[in-house]
Amino acid sequence: MKVRVRLFAGLRELIGQQEIIVDLAEGATVADVRDQLCRDYPRLTPFLPALACAVNEDYKSPEHRLQDGDEVALIPPVSGGSPCSR
């Protein structure tokens, strides 16, 4: 099956693409996408543990099973800003 992986922020610059098509076996999980990316793009490996993953715009756990045609977004942690005061 094929899933589309969207990359944001520094990940996009690191790879030079904003999206990648990944071929996976039926029944693959979000964790399998991460493993495949580590093999195909070793430069991503140090960043993958800190990334949030969304599948079709909903945050999912690494155990979530994917379907053919799903969109997986790898979202780096957000930092900065200031706390809200009330």
Protein backbone atom coordinates (compact mmCIF):
# COMPACT_ATOMS: atom_id res chain seq x y z
CA MET A 1 0.00 0.00 0.00
CA LYS A 2 1.06 3.60 -0.44
CA VAL A 3 0.79 6.41 2.08
CA ARG A 4 1.67 10.05 1.62
CA VAL A 5 3.99 11.49 4.28
CA ARG A 6 3.92 15.25 4.77
CA LEU A 7 6.96 16.96 6.28
CA PHE A 8 6.88 20.31 8.06
CA ALA A 9 9.37 22.96 9.18
CA GLY A 10 12.98 21.79 9.51
CA LEU A 11 12.14 18.27 8.31
CA ARG A 12 11.08 19.65 4.96
CA GLU A 13 14.34 21.59 4.64
CA LEU A 14 16.41 18.60 5.76
CA ILE A 15 14.98 16.34 3.06
CA GLY A 16 14.28 19.00 0.44
CA GLN A 17 10.71 17.82 -0.09
CA GLN A 18 7.44 18.60 1.58
CA GLU A 19 5.93 15.21 0.91
CA ILE A 20 7.09 11.65 0.25
CA ILE A 21 5.18 8.60 -0.96
CA VAL A 22 6.07 5.52 1.10
CA ASP A 23 5.34 1.92 0.06
CA LEU A 24 4.37 -0.30 3.01
CA ALA A 25 3.00 -3.78 3.57
CA GLU A 26 -0.72 -4.17 4.27
CA GLY A 27 -1.43 -3.71 7.97
CA ALA A 28 1.51 -1.34 8.49
CA THR A 29 1.41 1.10 11.40
CA VAL A 30 2.56 4.65 12.03
CA ALA A 31 5.66 3.12 13.68
CA ASP A 32 6.37 1.26 10.43
CA VAL A 33 6.34 4.58 8.56
CA ARG A 34 8.94 5.94 10.99
CA ASP A 35 11.08 2.83 10.56
CA GLN A 36 10.90 3.10 6.78
CA LEU A 37 11.86 6.77 6.89
CA CYS A 38 14.88 5.93 9.07
CA ARG A 39 16.04 3.48 6.41
CA ASP A 40 15.31 5.75 3.43
CA TYR A 41 16.36 9.07 5.01
CA PRO A 42 18.89 8.39 7.82
CA ARG A 43 19.24 12.14 8.44
CA LEU A 44 15.71 12.10 9.91
CA THR A 45 16.52 9.43 12.52
CA PRO A 46 17.52 11.76 15.40
CA PHE A 47 14.33 13.79 15.00
CA LEU A 48 11.71 11.05 14.66
CA PRO A 49 11.24 10.22 18.39
CA ALA A 50 10.15 13.80 19.17
CA LEU A 51 7.64 14.08 16.32
CA ALA A 52 3.88 13.95 16.66
CA CYS A 53 2.09 11.98 13.96
CA ALA A 54 -1.29 12.73 12.48
CA VAL A 55 -3.13 10.43 10.11
CA ASN A 56 -5.69 12.14 7.92
CA GLU A 57 -5.50 15.19 10.21
CA ASP A 58 -6.08 13.29 13.50
CA TYR A 59 -3.24 12.66 15.96
CA LYS A 60 -2.54 8.92 16.25
CA SER A 61 -0.35 6.60 18.31
CA PRO A 62 2.54 4.64 16.78
CA GLU A 63 0.36 1.47 16.91
CA HIS A 64 -2.34 2.94 14.65
CA ARG A 65 -2.87 0.78 11.55
CA LEU A 66 -2.76 2.59 8.23
CA GLN A 67 -4.88 2.18 5.12
CA ASP A 68 -3.84 2.57 1.51
CA GLY A 69 -3.96 6.25 0.56
CA ASP A 70 -3.69 7.62 4.11
CA GLU A 71 -1.86 10.88 4.69
CA VAL A 72 0.65 10.83 7.55
CA ALA A 73 1.89 14.20 8.80
CA LEU A 74 5.10 14.36 10.83
CA ILE A 75 4.85 17.37 13.09
CA PRO A 76 7.87 18.70 15.00
CA PRO A 77 7.37 19.98 18.55
CA VAL A 78 6.45 23.62 18.82
CA SER A 79 8.39 25.86 21.16
CA GLY A 80 8.67 29.51 21.93
CA GLY A 81 6.02 32.11 22.55
CA SER A 82 4.97 33.30 25.95
CA PRO A 83 2.48 31.98 28.45
CA CYS A 84 -1.00 33.45 28.38
CA SER A 85 -1.89 35.67 31.28
CA ARG A 86 -5.40 35.94 32.65
